[in-house]
Amino acid sequence: MRVRLLAVARFLETHNRALVARQLKLSRTSVNAWVRIYLLEGVEALRNNMSKQNASKISSTQKQRLYEYIETQSRSELGGRLTGKDIQAYILLEFGIEYHLDHIYRLLKSIGLSWITSCSRHPKQSVEAQEEFKKISYKAIATIPFHIPLHKVDIWFQDEGRFGQQNTTTRLWVPTGSRPRAVQQQQFEYAYIYGAVCPTTGATEALVTPCVNKDAMSQHLKQISQATAPERYALVIMDGAGWHTADITEEFDNLSMLKLPPYSPELNPIEQVWSWLRQHCLANRCFDSYEDIVEQCCKAWNQFIECTDRVMSMCLRSWAKVTNF
């Protein structure tokens, strides 16, 4: 009520509603509505109007119904998306309550919802297979040699990321009203980072190569093998790429590979590492040559791993623990 009275008082001084809205950092619509109510019905009408608006707020039960409706729609495979106007119409239809569009967004934030970009999901992905994979102790027993005790097993996540001249652009902080322009090359030089992390210890290993094949994969596994302590055993989780064949682990006596379920990149936290490298180091820039790409990839990886806590917090998963029964 105090803000409304202040807005009306400023209006009576200046007779300029736009100026009052700017001075008090309010919307022009609100100031116009309050001044109109005051001029037509007086100060008491402002108080009565506010009471009616407060009485029209949806209840906690209705908020829960709204939350469940929006969450269900977000998981729908029928396509499309809900906009603020859609939610405004739903509240009016279901609860008989009229909200201003500006208040809709505040309401959504208050019940724990955010407007974010969705992740892609392959239509052949199996949620059941993913949940079964998360029973990692059983998977480990079926994968590692029988004489290795589970408490001596370290889980590593491994993947390959491609970086090069067909680079990405990202969001940037810029002055309001402007639109930044970032460089995006059209050439075709690339390098590949073979990356692996052990979230429990924060250990990392990486290899930058001009291509992906079994020889490079064997060299990368050799790095992981050498990084594994003598009394420990490495269980390396990776996807089903064509160069991730079972025979490349035969020369190592302290590691085994475990394949992720098909179409399940979200189970591999290395995907987040690639995103971090692009967002913080490698996007919005040009590369002069293959050698430049390699150098910048190495710098980006070293920048990522210089903070062990960052490695562990980004890559640790609650289900990725091998425990004795």
C-alpha atoms as a PDB file:
ATOM      1  CA  MET A   1       0.000   0.000   0.000  1.00  0.00           C
ATOM      2  CA  ARG A   2       2.871   2.352   0.806  1.00  0.00           C
ATOM      3  CA  VAL A   3       4.260   2.058  -2.737  1.00  0.00           C
ATOM      4  CA  ARG A   4       0.862   2.832  -4.228  1.00  0.00           C
ATOM      5  CA  LEU A   5       0.437   5.932  -2.098  1.00  0.00           C
ATOM      6  CA  LEU A   6       3.971   7.053  -2.939  1.00  0.00           C
ATOM      7  CA  ALA A   7       3.291   6.620  -6.654  1.00  0.00           C
ATOM      8  CA  VAL A   8       0.069   8.661  -6.404  1.00  0.00           C
ATOM      9  CA  ALA A   9       1.846  11.370  -4.394  1.00  0.00           C
ATOM     10  CA  ARG A  10       4.618  11.632  -6.974  1.00  0.00           C
ATOM     11  CA  PHE A  11       2.004  11.828  -9.721  1.00  0.00           C
ATOM     12  CA  LEU A  12       0.239  14.706  -7.982  1.00  0.00           C
ATOM     13  CA  GLU A  13       3.607  16.515  -7.861  1.00  0.00           C
ATOM     14  CA  THR A  14       4.749  15.854 -11.440  1.00  0.00           C
ATOM     15  CA  HIS A  15       1.549  14.907 -13.374  1.00  0.00           C
ATOM     16  CA  ASN A  16       3.840  12.590 -15.392  1.00  0.00           C
ATOM     17  CA  ARG A  17       3.124   8.878 -14.972  1.00  0.00           C
ATOM     18  CA  ALA A  18       6.079   7.733 -17.073  1.00  0.00           C
ATOM     19  CA  LEU A  19       8.438   9.794 -14.897  1.00  0.00           C
ATOM     20  CA  VAL A  20       6.925   8.328 -11.708  1.00  0.00           C
ATOM     21  CA  ALA A  21       7.387   4.780 -13.066  1.00  0.00           C
ATOM     22  CA  ARG A  22      11.054   5.460 -13.864  1.00  0.00           C
ATOM     23  CA  GLN A  23      11.763   7.147 -10.519  1.00  0.00           C
ATOM     24  CA  LEU A  24      10.208   4.351  -8.452  1.00  0.00           C
ATOM     25  CA  LYS A  25      11.369   1.566 -10.820  1.00  0.00           C
ATOM     26  CA  LEU A  26       7.790   0.394 -11.332  1.00  0.00           C
ATOM     27  CA  SER A  27       5.938  -0.694 -14.438  1.00  0.00           C
ATOM     28  CA  ARG A  28       4.066   2.031 -16.293  1.00  0.00           C
ATOM     29  CA  THR A  29       0.981  -0.212 -16.308  1.00  0.00           C
ATOM     30  CA  SER A  30       0.865  -0.391 -12.497  1.00  0.00           C
ATOM     31  CA  VAL A  31       1.302   3.344 -12.060  1.00  0.00           C
ATOM     32  CA  ASN A  32      -1.429   4.045 -14.614  1.00  0.00           C
ATOM     33  CA  ALA A  33      -3.823   1.657 -12.850  1.00  0.00           C
ATOM     34  CA  TRP A  34      -3.207   3.108  -9.382  1.00  0.00           C
ATOM     35  CA  VAL A  35      -3.573   6.706 -10.554  1.00  0.00           C
ATOM     36  CA  ARG A  36      -6.776   5.855 -12.414  1.00  0.00           C
ATOM     37  CA  ILE A  37      -8.268   4.187  -9.331  1.00  0.00           C
ATOM     38  CA  TYR A  38      -7.284   7.143  -7.149  1.00  0.00           C
ATOM     39  CA  LEU A  39      -8.708   9.737  -9.511  1.00  0.00           C
ATOM     40  CA  LEU A  40     -11.990   7.894  -9.944  1.00  0.00           C
ATOM     41  CA  GLU A  41     -12.628   6.494  -6.471  1.00  0.00           C
ATOM     42  CA  GLY A  42     -10.123   7.969  -4.012  1.00  0.00           C
ATOM     43  CA  VAL A  43      -7.532   6.582  -1.582  1.00  0.00           C
ATOM     44  CA  GLU A  44      -9.846   4.025   0.022  1.00  0.00           C
ATOM     45  CA  ALA A  45     -10.408   2.395  -3.355  1.00  0.00           C
ATOM     46  CA  LEU A  46      -6.659   1.717  -3.605  1.00  0.00           C
ATOM     47  CA  ARG A  47      -6.799  -0.213  -0.324  1.00  0.00           C
ATOM     48  CA  ASN A  48      -9.899  -2.152  -1.328  1.00  0.00           C
ATOM     49  CA  ASN A  49      -8.411  -3.017  -4.713  1.00  0.00           C
ATOM     50  CA  MET A  50      -5.267  -4.386  -3.061  1.00  0.00           C
ATOM     51  CA  SER A  51      -7.323  -6.552  -0.685  1.00  0.00           C
ATOM     52  CA  LYS A  52      -9.227  -8.058  -3.599  1.00  0.00           C
ATOM     53  CA  GLN A  53      -5.985  -8.831  -5.423  1.00  0.00           C
ATOM     54  CA  ASN A  54      -4.436 -10.434  -2.350  1.00  0.00           C
ATOM     55  CA  ALA A  55      -7.564 -12.533  -1.828  1.00  0.00           C
ATOM     56  CA  SER A  56      -7.277 -13.846  -5.384  1.00  0.00           C
ATOM     57  CA  LYS A  57      -3.865 -15.505  -4.866  1.00  0.00           C
ATOM     58  CA  ILE A  58      -3.940 -19.233  -5.442  1.00  0.00           C
ATOM     59  CA  SER A  59      -3.694 -21.557  -2.446  1.00  0.00           C
ATOM     60  CA  SER A  60      -0.856 -23.952  -1.643  1.00  0.00           C
ATOM     61  CA  THR A  61      -2.957 -26.856  -2.958  1.00  0.00           C
ATOM     62  CA  GLN A  62      -3.545 -25.012  -6.217  1.00  0.00           C
ATOM     63  CA  LYS A  63       0.172 -24.205  -6.462  1.00  0.00           C
ATOM     64  CA  GLN A  64       0.941 -27.914  -6.156  1.00  0.00           C
ATOM     65  CA  ARG A  65      -1.571 -28.719  -8.906  1.00  0.00           C
ATOM     66  CA  LEU A  66      -0.019 -26.026 -11.097  1.00  0.00           C
ATOM     67  CA  TYR A  67       3.484 -27.388 -10.449  1.00  0.00           C
ATOM     68  CA  GLU A  68       2.423 -30.941 -11.346  1.00  0.00           C
ATOM     69  CA  TYR A  69       0.671 -29.748 -14.512  1.00  0.00           C
ATOM     70  CA  ILE A  70       3.709 -27.823 -15.766  1.00  0.00           C
ATOM     71  CA  GLU A  71       6.112 -30.636 -14.868  1.00  0.00           C
ATOM     72  CA  THR A  72       3.927 -33.154 -16.743  1.00  0.00           C
ATOM     73  CA  GLN A  73       3.835 -30.900 -19.793  1.00  0.00           C
ATOM     74  CA  SER A  74       7.626 -30.469 -19.698  1.00  0.00           C
ATOM     75  CA  ARG A  75       8.046 -34.247 -19.960  1.00  0.00           C
ATOM     76  CA  SER A  76       5.497 -34.685 -22.743  1.00  0.00           C
ATOM     77  CA  GLU A  77       6.709 -36.130 -26.037  1.00  0.00           C
ATOM     78  CA  LEU A  78       3.936 -34.457 -28.048  1.00  0.00           C
ATOM     79  CA  GLY A  79       6.066 -31.399 -28.739  1.00  0.00           C
ATOM     80  CA  GLY A  80       5.493 -27.708 -28.166  1.00  0.00           C
ATOM     81  CA  ARG A  81       5.965 -25.747 -24.977  1.00  0.00           C
ATOM     82  CA  LEU A  82       3.994 -23.778 -22.407  1.00  0.00           C
ATOM     83  CA  THR A  83       4.291 -20.002 -22.512  1.00  0.00           C
ATOM     84  CA  GLY A  84       3.385 -17.481 -19.829  1.00  0.00           C
ATOM     85  CA  LYS A  85       0.070 -16.823 -21.582  1.00  0.00           C
ATOM     86  CA  ASP A  86      -0.708 -20.557 -21.635  1.00  0.00           C
ATOM     87  CA  ILE A  87      -0.157 -20.796 -17.886  1.00  0.00           C
ATOM     88  CA  GLN A  88      -2.156 -17.610 -17.331  1.00  0.00           C
ATOM     89  CA  ALA A  89      -5.071 -19.174 -19.232  1.00  0.00           C
ATOM     90  CA  TYR A  90      -4.737 -22.474 -17.309  1.00  0.00           C
ATOM     91  CA  ILE A  91      -4.937 -20.695 -13.926  1.00  0.00           C
ATOM     92  CA  LEU A  92      -8.011 -18.759 -15.058  1.00  0.00           C
ATOM     93  CA  LEU A  93      -9.708 -21.882 -16.437  1.00  0.00           C
ATOM     94  CA  GLU A  94      -8.862 -24.258 -13.562  1.00  0.00           C
ATOM     95  CA  PHE A  95      -8.979 -21.933 -10.561  1.00  0.00           C
ATOM     96  CA  GLY A  96     -11.035 -18.987 -11.781  1.00  0.00           C
ATOM     97  CA  ILE A  97      -8.250 -16.580 -10.793  1.00  0.00           C
ATOM     98  CA  GLU A  98      -6.954 -13.857 -13.086  1.00  0.00           C
ATOM     99  CA  TYR A  99      -3.232 -13.060 -12.964  1.00  0.00           C
ATOM    100  CA  HIS A 100      -1.324 -10.333 -14.761  1.00  0.00           C
ATOM    101  CA  LEU A 101       1.320 -11.813 -17.046  1.00  0.00           C
ATOM    102  CA  ASP A 102       4.133 -10.157 -15.042  1.00  0.00           C
ATOM    103  CA  HIS A 103       2.888 -11.923 -11.901  1.00  0.00           C
ATOM    104  CA  ILE A 104       2.788 -15.278 -13.692  1.00  0.00           C
ATOM    105  CA  TYR A 105       6.583 -15.359 -13.956  1.00  0.00           C
ATOM    106  CA  ARG A 106       7.004 -14.403 -10.296  1.00  0.00           C
ATOM    107  CA  LEU A 107       4.571 -17.144  -9.345  1.00  0.00           C
ATOM    108  CA  LEU A 108       6.462 -19.764 -11.346  1.00  0.00           C
ATOM    109  CA  LYS A 109       9.745 -18.824  -9.666  1.00  0.00           C
ATOM    110  CA  SER A 110       8.116 -18.924  -6.228  1.00  0.00           C
ATOM    111  CA  ILE A 111       7.020 -22.562  -6.698  1.00  0.00           C
ATOM    112  CA  GLY A 112      10.464 -23.694  -7.864  1.00  0.00           C
ATOM    113  CA  LEU A 113      10.219 -23.549 -11.661  1.00  0.00           C
ATOM    114  CA  SER A 114      12.792 -22.073 -14.067  1.00  0.00           C
ATOM    115  CA  TRP A 115      12.850 -21.175 -17.771  1.00  0.00           C
ATOM    116  CA  ILE A 116      15.818 -23.167 -19.113  1.00  0.00           C
ATOM    117  CA  THR A 117      16.925 -24.844 -22.310  1.00  0.00           C
ATOM    118  CA  SER A 118      16.000 -28.521 -22.536  1.00  0.00           C
ATOM    119  CA  CYS A 119      18.512 -31.323 -23.112  1.00  0.00           C
ATOM    120  CA  SER A 120      18.192 -33.591 -26.127  1.00  0.00           C
ATOM    121  CA  ARG A 121      17.088 -37.205 -25.676  1.00  0.00           C
ATOM    122  CA  HIS A 122      17.248 -39.945 -28.271  1.00  0.00           C
ATOM    123  CA  PRO A 123      13.816 -41.521 -28.952  1.00  0.00           C
ATOM    124  CA  LYS A 124      15.333 -45.017 -28.549  1.00  0.00           C
ATOM    125  CA  GLN A 125      16.688 -44.257 -25.086  1.00  0.00           C
ATOM    126  CA  SER A 126      15.586 -46.718 -22.378  1.00  0.00           C
ATOM    127  CA  VAL A 127      14.988 -45.311 -18.892  1.00  0.00           C
ATOM    128  CA  GLU A 128      14.806 -48.861 -17.544  1.00  0.00           C
ATOM    129  CA  ALA A 129      18.254 -49.678 -18.941  1.00  0.00           C
ATOM    130  CA  GLN A 130      19.669 -46.527 -17.388  1.00  0.00           C
ATOM    131  CA  GLU A 131      18.247 -47.338 -13.958  1.00  0.00           C
ATOM    132  CA  GLU A 132      19.597 -50.867 -14.220  1.00  0.00           C
ATOM    133  CA  PHE A 133      23.033 -49.525 -15.142  1.00  0.00           C
ATOM    134  CA  LYS A 134      23.068 -47.344 -12.031  1.00  0.00           C
ATOM    135  CA  LYS A 135      23.269 -50.516  -9.928  1.00  0.00           C
ATOM    136  CA  ILE A 136      26.952 -50.111 -10.508  1.00  0.00           C
ATOM    137  CA  SER A 137      28.167 -52.609  -7.899  1.00  0.00           C
ATOM    138  CA  TYR A 138      26.431 -55.464  -9.706  1.00  0.00           C
ATOM    139  CA  LYS A 139      27.856 -54.265 -13.015  1.00  0.00           C
ATOM    140  CA  ALA A 140      31.331 -54.139 -11.485  1.00  0.00           C
ATOM    141  CA  ILE A 141      31.092 -57.698 -10.169  1.00  0.00           C
ATOM    142  CA  ALA A 142      30.152 -58.906 -13.652  1.00  0.00           C
ATOM    143  CA  THR A 143      32.994 -56.943 -15.286  1.00  0.00           C
ATOM    144  CA  ILE A 144      36.154 -56.992 -13.149  1.00  0.00           C
ATOM    145  CA  PRO A 145      38.232 -60.111 -12.335  1.00  0.00           C
ATOM    146  CA  PHE A 146      36.666 -62.142  -9.518  1.00  0.00           C
ATOM    147  CA  HIS A 147      39.694 -61.802  -7.202  1.00  0.00           C
ATOM    148  CA  ILE A 148      39.486 -57.961  -7.094  1.00  0.00           C
ATOM    149  CA  PRO A 149      37.633 -56.746  -3.944  1.00  0.00           C
ATOM    150  CA  LEU A 150      35.079 -54.050  -4.610  1.00  0.00           C
ATOM    151  CA  HIS A 151      36.521 -51.625  -2.063  1.00  0.00           C
ATOM    152  CA  LYS A 152      39.685 -51.395  -4.193  1.00  0.00           C
ATOM    153  CA  VAL A 153      37.868 -50.350  -7.371  1.00  0.00           C
ATOM    154  CA  ASP A 154      38.055 -46.762  -8.695  1.00  0.00           C
ATOM    155  CA  ILE A 155      35.425 -45.633 -11.192  1.00  0.00           C
ATOM    156  CA  TRP A 156      36.664 -43.547 -14.144  1.00  0.00           C
ATOM    157  CA  PHE A 157      34.452 -41.844 -16.734  1.00  0.00           C
ATOM    158  CA  GLN A 158      35.925 -41.577 -20.245  1.00  0.00           C
ATOM    159  CA  ASP A 159      34.883 -39.934 -23.507  1.00  0.00           C
ATOM    160  CA  GLU A 160      36.162 -38.088 -26.590  1.00  0.00           C
ATOM    161  CA  GLY A 161      35.308 -34.517 -27.529  1.00  0.00           C
ATOM    162  CA  ARG A 162      35.891 -32.818 -30.888  1.00  0.00           C
ATOM    163  CA  PHE A 163      37.095 -29.209 -30.975  1.00  0.00           C
ATOM    164  CA  GLY A 164      38.120 -27.095 -33.924  1.00  0.00           C
ATOM    165  CA  GLN A 165      37.425 -24.402 -36.444  1.00  0.00           C
ATOM    166  CA  GLN A 166      33.698 -25.126 -36.779  1.00  0.00           C
ATOM    167  CA  ASN A 167      33.413 -23.617 -33.330  1.00  0.00           C
ATOM    168  CA  THR A 168      30.473 -22.636 -31.121  1.00  0.00           C
ATOM    169  CA  THR A 169      29.237 -19.245 -29.927  1.00  0.00           C
ATOM    170  CA  THR A 170      27.829 -18.567 -26.463  1.00  0.00           C
ATOM    171  CA  ARG A 171      25.769 -16.034 -24.537  1.00  0.00           C
ATOM    172  CA  LEU A 172      27.693 -12.946 -23.403  1.00  0.00           C
ATOM    173  CA  TRP A 173      27.149 -10.080 -20.981  1.00  0.00           C
ATOM    174  CA  VAL A 174      26.732  -6.922 -23.082  1.00  0.00           C
ATOM    175  CA  PRO A 175      25.054  -3.510 -22.745  1.00  0.00           C
ATOM    176  CA  THR A 176      21.258  -3.725 -22.859  1.00  0.00           C
ATOM    177  CA  GLY A 177      19.893  -3.088 -26.325  1.00  0.00           C
ATOM    178  CA  SER A 178      22.989  -4.343 -28.155  1.00  0.00           C
ATOM    179  CA  ARG A 179      23.676  -7.713 -29.741  1.00  0.00           C
ATOM    180  CA  PRO A 180      27.266  -8.992 -29.720  1.00  0.00           C
ATOM    181  CA  ARG A 181      28.949 -10.546 -32.732  1.00  0.00           C
ATOM    182  CA  ALA A 182      31.322 -13.444 -32.117  1.00  0.00           C
ATOM    183  CA  VAL A 183      33.684 -15.037 -34.617  1.00  0.00           C
ATOM    184  CA  GLN A 184      32.615 -18.386 -36.072  1.00  0.00           C
ATOM    185  CA  GLN A 185      34.957 -20.022 -38.562  1.00  0.00           C
ATOM    186  CA  GLN A 186      33.918 -22.178 -41.501  1.00  0.00           C
ATOM    187  CA  GLN A 187      37.129 -24.216 -41.961  1.00  0.00           C
ATOM    188  CA  PHE A 188      37.426 -27.885 -41.108  1.00  0.00           C
ATOM    189  CA  GLU A 189      40.513 -28.436 -38.939  1.00  0.00           C
ATOM    190  CA  TYR A 190      39.761 -30.431 -35.787  1.00  0.00           C
ATOM    191  CA  ALA A 191      41.449 -32.053 -32.816  1.00  0.00           C
ATOM    192  CA  TYR A 192      40.041 -34.628 -30.427  1.00  0.00           C
ATOM    193  CA  ILE A 193      40.477 -34.736 -26.663  1.00  0.00           C
ATOM    194  CA  TYR A 194      40.440 -38.164 -25.062  1.00  0.00           C
ATOM    195  CA  GLY A 195      39.430 -37.268 -21.502  1.00  0.00           C
ATOM    196  CA  ALA A 196      38.960 -39.305 -18.339  1.00  0.00           C
ATOM    197  CA  VAL A 197      38.164 -38.372 -14.748  1.00  0.00           C
ATOM    198  CA  CYS A 198      37.955 -40.267 -11.482  1.00  0.00           C
ATOM    199  CA  PRO A 199      35.349 -38.257  -9.517  1.00  0.00           C
ATOM    200  CA  THR A 200      36.157 -39.919  -6.196  1.00  0.00           C
ATOM    201  CA  THR A 201      39.806 -38.843  -6.172  1.00  0.00           C
ATOM    202  CA  GLY A 202      39.754 -35.940  -8.642  1.00  0.00           C
ATOM    203  CA  ALA A 203      42.373 -37.669 -10.816  1.00  0.00           C
ATOM    204  CA  THR A 204      42.291 -36.853 -14.549  1.00  0.00           C
ATOM    205  CA  GLU A 205      43.995 -37.975 -17.744  1.00  0.00           C
ATOM    206  CA  ALA A 206      43.801 -36.545 -21.254  1.00  0.00           C
ATOM    207  CA  LEU A 207      45.249 -37.049 -24.717  1.00  0.00           C
ATOM    208  CA  VAL A 208      44.868 -34.736 -27.744  1.00  0.00           C
ATOM    209  CA  THR A 209      44.918 -36.452 -31.145  1.00  0.00           C
ATOM    210  CA  PRO A 210      44.108 -35.592 -34.789  1.00  0.00           C
ATOM    211  CA  CYS A 211      41.633 -38.484 -35.065  1.00  0.00           C
ATOM    212  CA  VAL A 212      39.859 -41.179 -33.071  1.00  0.00           C
ATOM    213  CA  ASN A 213      40.845 -44.837 -33.426  1.00  0.00           C
ATOM    214  CA  LYS A 214      41.849 -47.899 -31.425  1.00  0.00           C
ATOM    215  CA  ASP A 215      45.516 -46.964 -31.269  1.00  0.00           C
ATOM    216  CA  ALA A 216      44.748 -43.614 -29.656  1.00  0.00           C
ATOM    217  CA  MET A 217      42.276 -45.316 -27.328  1.00  0.00           C
ATOM    218  CA  SER A 218      44.903 -47.829 -26.233  1.00  0.00           C
ATOM    219  CA  GLN A 219      47.308 -45.007 -25.496  1.00  0.00           C
ATOM    220  CA  HIS A 220      44.674 -43.256 -23.422  1.00  0.00           C
ATOM    221  CA  LEU A 221      43.914 -46.420 -21.453  1.00  0.00           C
ATOM    222  CA  LYS A 222      47.628 -46.739 -20.821  1.00  0.00           C
ATOM    223  CA  GLN A 223      47.539 -43.308 -19.200  1.00  0.00           C
ATOM    224  CA  ILE A 224      44.657 -44.380 -16.947  1.00  0.00           C
ATOM    225  CA  SER A 225      46.437 -47.634 -16.081  1.00  0.00           C
ATOM    226  CA  GLN A 226      49.594 -45.790 -15.077  1.00  0.00           C
ATOM    227  CA  ALA A 227      47.600 -43.267 -13.038  1.00  0.00           C
ATOM    228  CA  THR A 228      45.914 -46.037 -11.041  1.00  0.00           C
ATOM    229  CA  ALA A 229      47.657 -46.743  -7.740  1.00  0.00           C
ATOM    230  CA  PRO A 230      49.338 -50.186  -7.439  1.00  0.00           C
ATOM    231  CA  GLU A 231      46.811 -51.478  -4.936  1.00  0.00           C
ATOM    232  CA  ARG A 232      43.783 -50.125  -6.856  1.00  0.00           C
ATOM    233  CA  TYR A 233      41.778 -51.296  -9.901  1.00  0.00           C
ATOM    234  CA  ALA A 234      40.166 -49.005 -12.504  1.00  0.00           C
ATOM    235  CA  LEU A 235      36.682 -49.564 -13.905  1.00  0.00           C
ATOM    236  CA  VAL A 236      36.494 -47.281 -16.945  1.00  0.00           C
ATOM    237  CA  ILE A 237      32.955 -46.305 -18.005  1.00  0.00           C
ATOM    238  CA  MET A 238      32.562 -45.237 -21.638  1.00  0.00           C
ATOM    239  CA  ASP A 239      30.053 -45.202 -24.484  1.00  0.00           C
ATOM    240  CA  GLY A 240      29.719 -47.728 -27.301  1.00  0.00           C
ATOM    241  CA  ALA A 241      31.907 -46.001 -29.915  1.00  0.00           C
ATOM    242  CA  GLY A 242      33.335 -48.261 -32.617  1.00  0.00           C
ATOM    243  CA  TRP A 243      36.918 -47.939 -31.292  1.00  0.00           C
ATOM    244  CA  HIS A 244      35.859 -48.913 -27.736  1.00  0.00           C
ATOM    245  CA  THR A 245      36.370 -52.627 -28.316  1.00  0.00           C
ATOM    246  CA  ALA A 246      36.998 -55.203 -25.624  1.00  0.00           C
ATOM    247  CA  ASP A 247      40.401 -56.271 -26.977  1.00  0.00           C
ATOM    248  CA  ILE A 248      42.057 -52.908 -26.210  1.00  0.00           C
ATOM    249  CA  THR A 249      41.996 -53.686 -22.470  1.00  0.00           C
ATOM    250  CA  GLU A 250      43.745 -57.059 -22.795  1.00  0.00           C
ATOM    251  CA  GLU A 251      47.235 -55.629 -22.263  1.00  0.00           C
ATOM    252  CA  PHE A 252      46.287 -54.051 -18.923  1.00  0.00           C
ATOM    253  CA  ASP A 253      45.945 -56.057 -15.725  1.00  0.00           C
ATOM    254  CA  ASN A 254      44.582 -53.222 -13.572  1.00  0.00           C
ATOM    255  CA  LEU A 255      41.571 -51.943 -15.530  1.00  0.00           C
ATOM    256  CA  SER A 256      38.378 -53.047 -17.242  1.00  0.00           C
ATOM    257  CA  MET A 257      35.878 -51.189 -19.391  1.00  0.00           C
ATOM    258  CA  LEU A 258      32.142 -50.928 -18.786  1.00  0.00           C
ATOM    259  CA  LYS A 259      29.861 -49.752 -21.595  1.00  0.00           C
ATOM    260  CA  LEU A 260      27.051 -47.251 -20.989  1.00  0.00           C
ATOM    261  CA  PRO A 261      23.522 -48.146 -22.146  1.00  0.00           C
ATOM    262  CA  PRO A 262      22.826 -47.046 -25.749  1.00  0.00           C
ATOM    263  CA  TYR A 263      21.776 -43.424 -26.279  1.00  0.00           C
ATOM    264  CA  SER A 264      22.624 -42.389 -22.712  1.00  0.00           C
ATOM    265  CA  PRO A 265      25.230 -39.593 -22.829  1.00  0.00           C
ATOM    266  CA  GLU A 266      23.694 -37.938 -19.750  1.00  0.00           C
ATOM    267  CA  LEU A 267      25.049 -40.796 -17.619  1.00  0.00           C
ATOM    268  CA  ASN A 268      28.590 -39.727 -18.513  1.00  0.00           C
ATOM    269  CA  PRO A 269      29.666 -36.558 -16.631  1.00  0.00           C
ATOM    270  CA  ILE A 270      32.486 -35.999 -19.137  1.00  0.00           C
ATOM    271  CA  GLU A 271      29.791 -34.472 -21.368  1.00  0.00           C
ATOM    272  CA  GLN A 272      29.577 -31.626 -18.846  1.00  0.00           C
ATOM    273  CA  VAL A 273      33.346 -31.238 -18.990  1.00  0.00           C
ATOM    274  CA  TRP A 274      33.206 -30.700 -22.765  1.00  0.00           C
ATOM    275  CA  SER A 275      30.515 -28.086 -22.243  1.00  0.00           C
ATOM    276  CA  TRP A 276      32.653 -26.344 -19.587  1.00  0.00           C
ATOM    277  CA  LEU A 277      35.676 -26.245 -21.905  1.00  0.00           C
ATOM    278  CA  ARG A 278      33.618 -24.695 -24.689  1.00  0.00           C
ATOM    279  CA  GLN A 279      31.795 -22.205 -22.497  1.00  0.00           C
ATOM    280  CA  HIS A 280      34.826 -20.999 -20.542  1.00  0.00           C
ATOM    281  CA  CYS A 281      37.769 -21.396 -22.925  1.00  0.00           C
ATOM    282  CA  LEU A 282      37.189 -22.447 -26.527  1.00  0.00           C
ATOM    283  CA  ALA A 283      34.023 -20.772 -27.820  1.00  0.00           C
ATOM    284  CA  ASN A 284      33.796 -17.393 -29.624  1.00  0.00           C
ATOM    285  CA  ARG A 285      37.301 -17.564 -31.113  1.00  0.00           C
ATOM    286  CA  CYS A 286      39.364 -18.439 -34.192  1.00  0.00           C
ATOM    287  CA  PHE A 287      42.072 -21.064 -34.529  1.00  0.00           C
ATOM    288  CA  ASP A 288      44.907 -20.446 -36.969  1.00  0.00           C
ATOM    289  CA  SER A 289      45.880 -24.080 -37.529  1.00  0.00           C
ATOM    290  CA  TYR A 290      45.740 -27.609 -36.158  1.00  0.00           C
ATOM    291  CA  GLU A 291      48.715 -26.812 -33.912  1.00  0.00           C
ATOM    292  CA  ASP A 292      46.838 -23.825 -32.504  1.00  0.00           C
ATOM    293  CA  ILE A 293      43.789 -26.002 -31.807  1.00  0.00           C
ATOM    294  CA  VAL A 294      45.951 -28.527 -29.939  1.00  0.00           C
ATOM    295  CA  GLU A 295      47.651 -25.818 -27.893  1.00  0.00           C
ATOM    296  CA  GLN A 296      44.356 -24.178 -26.905  1.00  0.00           C
ATOM    297  CA  CYS A 297      42.741 -27.535 -26.085  1.00  0.00           C
ATOM    298  CA  CYS A 298      45.655 -28.376 -23.784  1.00  0.00           C
ATOM    299  CA  LYS A 299      45.397 -24.991 -22.076  1.00  0.00           C
ATOM    300  CA  ALA A 300      41.649 -25.400 -21.633  1.00  0.00           C
ATOM    301  CA  TRP A 301      41.975 -28.900 -20.155  1.00  0.00           C
ATOM    302  CA  ASN A 302      44.733 -27.764 -17.782  1.00  0.00           C
ATOM    303  CA  GLN A 303      42.587 -24.834 -16.683  1.00  0.00           C
ATOM    304  CA  PHE A 304      39.723 -27.206 -15.931  1.00  0.00           C
ATOM    305  CA  ILE A 305      41.773 -29.687 -13.888  1.00  0.00           C
ATOM    306  CA  GLU A 306      43.734 -27.092 -11.886  1.00  0.00           C
ATOM    307  CA  CYS A 307      40.857 -27.069  -9.392  1.00  0.00           C
ATOM    308  CA  THR A 308      40.369 -30.595  -8.054  1.00  0.00           C
ATOM    309  CA  ASP A 309      37.196 -29.596  -6.214  1.00  0.00           C
ATOM    310  CA  ARG A 310      35.681 -28.479  -9.518  1.00  0.00           C
ATOM    311  CA  VAL A 311      36.498 -31.813 -11.132  1.00  0.00           C
ATOM    312  CA  MET A 312      34.969 -33.764  -8.274  1.00  0.00           C
ATOM    313  CA  SER A 313      31.838 -31.642  -7.854  1.00  0.00           C
ATOM    314  CA  MET A 314      31.080 -31.586 -11.592  1.00  0.00           C
ATOM    315  CA  CYS A 315      31.675 -35.276 -12.228  1.00  0.00           C
ATOM    316  CA  LEU A 316      30.616 -37.003  -9.010  1.00  0.00           C
ATOM    317  CA  ARG A 317      27.382 -38.995  -9.229  1.00  0.00           C
ATOM    318  CA  SER A 318      25.594 -40.460  -6.219  1.00  0.00           C
ATOM    319  CA  TRP A 319      25.048 -43.787  -7.987  1.00  0.00           C
ATOM    320  CA  ALA A 320      28.671 -44.118  -9.195  1.00  0.00           C
ATOM    321  CA  LYS A 321      29.958 -45.904  -6.109  1.00  0.00           C
ATOM    322  CA  VAL A 322      31.170 -49.458  -5.865  1.00  0.00           C
ATOM    323  CA  THR A 323      30.397 -50.845  -2.409  1.00  0.00           C
ATOM    324  CA  ASN A 324      30.548 -54.203  -0.696  1.00  0.00           C
ATOM    325  CA  PHE A 325      27.256 -55.933   0.010  1.00  0.00           C
END
